[in-house]
Protein backbone atom coordinates (compact mmCIF):
# COMPACT_ATOMS: atom_id res chain seq x y z
CA MET A 1 -33.34 -2.84 -8.92
CA LYS A 2 -31.52 -0.36 -11.07
CA ILE A 3 -27.97 -0.85 -12.28
CA THR A 4 -25.78 2.21 -12.07
CA GLU A 5 -23.29 3.35 -14.67
CA LYS A 6 -20.52 2.83 -12.11
CA GLN A 7 -21.57 -0.82 -11.60
CA VAL A 8 -21.48 -1.46 -15.36
CA ARG A 9 -18.03 0.11 -15.60
CA ASP A 10 -16.78 -1.88 -12.58
CA VAL A 11 -17.92 -5.17 -14.11
CA ALA A 12 -16.42 -4.19 -17.47
CA GLU A 13 -13.11 -3.48 -15.76
CA LEU A 14 -13.18 -6.87 -14.04
CA ALA A 15 -13.75 -8.46 -17.45
CA ASN A 16 -10.92 -6.37 -18.92
CA LEU A 17 -13.34 -4.67 -21.35
CA THR A 18 -13.15 -1.13 -22.63
CA LEU A 19 -16.65 0.22 -23.25
CA THR A 20 -17.79 3.41 -24.93
CA ASP A 21 -20.38 5.62 -23.23
CA ALA A 22 -22.99 4.32 -25.68
CA GLU A 23 -22.14 0.70 -24.84
CA VAL A 24 -22.35 1.42 -21.11
CA ALA A 25 -25.79 2.99 -21.57
CA ARG A 26 -27.03 0.04 -23.68
CA LEU A 27 -25.68 -2.57 -21.26
CA ARG A 28 -27.15 -0.70 -18.33
CA GLY A 29 -30.59 -0.91 -19.94
CA ASP A 30 -30.12 -4.58 -20.84
CA LEU A 31 -29.02 -5.51 -17.32
CA ASP A 32 -31.93 -3.55 -15.80
CA GLY A 33 -34.32 -5.55 -17.99
CA ILE A 34 -32.76 -8.85 -16.91
CA LEU A 35 -33.00 -7.94 -13.22
CA GLU A 36 -36.62 -6.81 -13.64
CA HIS A 37 -37.42 -10.20 -15.15
CA PHE A 38 -35.83 -11.96 -12.15
CA GLU A 39 -37.89 -9.77 -9.82
CA GLN A 40 -41.04 -10.97 -11.61
CA LEU A 41 -39.91 -14.58 -11.25
CA ASN A 42 -39.21 -14.06 -7.54
CA ARG A 43 -42.79 -12.80 -7.04
CA ALA A 44 -44.30 -15.98 -8.51
CA ASP A 45 -46.02 -18.14 -5.89
CA THR A 46 -44.33 -21.56 -5.98
CA THR A 47 -45.90 -22.88 -2.79
CA GLY A 48 -46.55 -26.60 -3.10
CA ILE A 49 -44.80 -26.96 -6.45
CA GLU A 50 -42.31 -29.82 -6.58
CA PRO A 51 -39.00 -29.41 -8.42
CA MET A 52 -39.20 -30.62 -12.01
CA ALA A 53 -35.67 -32.00 -12.37
CA GLN A 54 -32.94 -33.52 -10.27
CA VAL A 55 -29.26 -33.94 -10.98
CA LEU A 56 -29.21 -37.32 -9.26
CA PHE A 57 -31.62 -39.86 -10.66
CA GLU A 58 -31.93 -43.55 -11.33
CA ALA A 59 -31.01 -44.36 -14.94
CA ASP A 60 -31.73 -47.52 -16.87
CA GLU A 61 -29.42 -49.32 -19.30
CA THR A 62 -30.48 -47.12 -22.24
CA SER A 63 -29.19 -44.05 -20.46
CA THR A 64 -26.44 -42.03 -22.12
CA LEU A 65 -24.57 -41.87 -18.81
CA ARG A 66 -21.46 -44.01 -18.52
CA ASP A 67 -20.23 -45.85 -15.47
CA ASP A 68 -17.87 -43.83 -13.31
CA VAL A 69 -14.76 -45.99 -13.66
CA PRO A 70 -11.31 -44.77 -12.63
CA VAL A 71 -8.77 -44.65 -15.46
CA PRO A 72 -5.06 -43.86 -15.42
CA PRO A 73 -4.21 -40.17 -15.84
CA LEU A 74 -3.28 -38.83 -19.29
CA GLY A 75 0.31 -38.01 -18.37
CA ASN A 76 2.33 -34.88 -18.99
CA GLN A 77 3.91 -35.90 -22.30
CA ALA A 78 0.56 -36.90 -23.87
CA ALA A 79 -1.12 -33.74 -22.55
CA MET A 80 1.58 -31.52 -24.10
CA ALA A 81 1.65 -33.39 -27.44
CA ASN A 82 -0.83 -31.09 -29.23
CA ALA A 83 -0.20 -27.89 -27.28
CA PRO A 84 0.64 -24.93 -29.56
CA GLN A 85 3.29 -23.81 -27.06
CA HIS A 86 4.69 -25.56 -24.03
CA GLY A 87 7.78 -25.56 -21.91
CA ALA A 88 9.05 -27.08 -18.67
CA GLY A 89 5.96 -29.31 -18.53
CA TYR A 90 3.44 -26.45 -18.65
CA PHE A 91 1.12 -24.91 -21.24
CA LYS A 92 2.25 -21.47 -22.38
CA VAL A 93 -0.58 -19.01 -22.96
CA PRO A 94 -0.61 -15.35 -24.07
CA LEU A 95 -0.68 -12.65 -21.41
CA VAL A 96 -4.27 -11.49 -20.88
CA ILE A 97 -4.01 -9.29 -17.76
CA GLU A 98 -1.93 -6.17 -18.05
CA HIS A 99 -2.60 -4.57 -14.65
């Protein structure tokens, strides 16, 4: 699969990035290489191979996982205590989208 210059520019626009022509060309090559690698992985025969890891598993007492115990919520005042800027119970953040 080949990435087009238009696709690179579209993704850059979504990420609010301004790219030079040289950066677009370099990223296009990098993304092509990544997709080629995935194509190679997709061609690998994995018939009969069991998954190597699971998210859900039985853990013993030496596990680093903690019990899932409900706790009271933090509360608005405590959450705002270290915020650089806040007002009316909300975090204030700089404007990042100018469209």
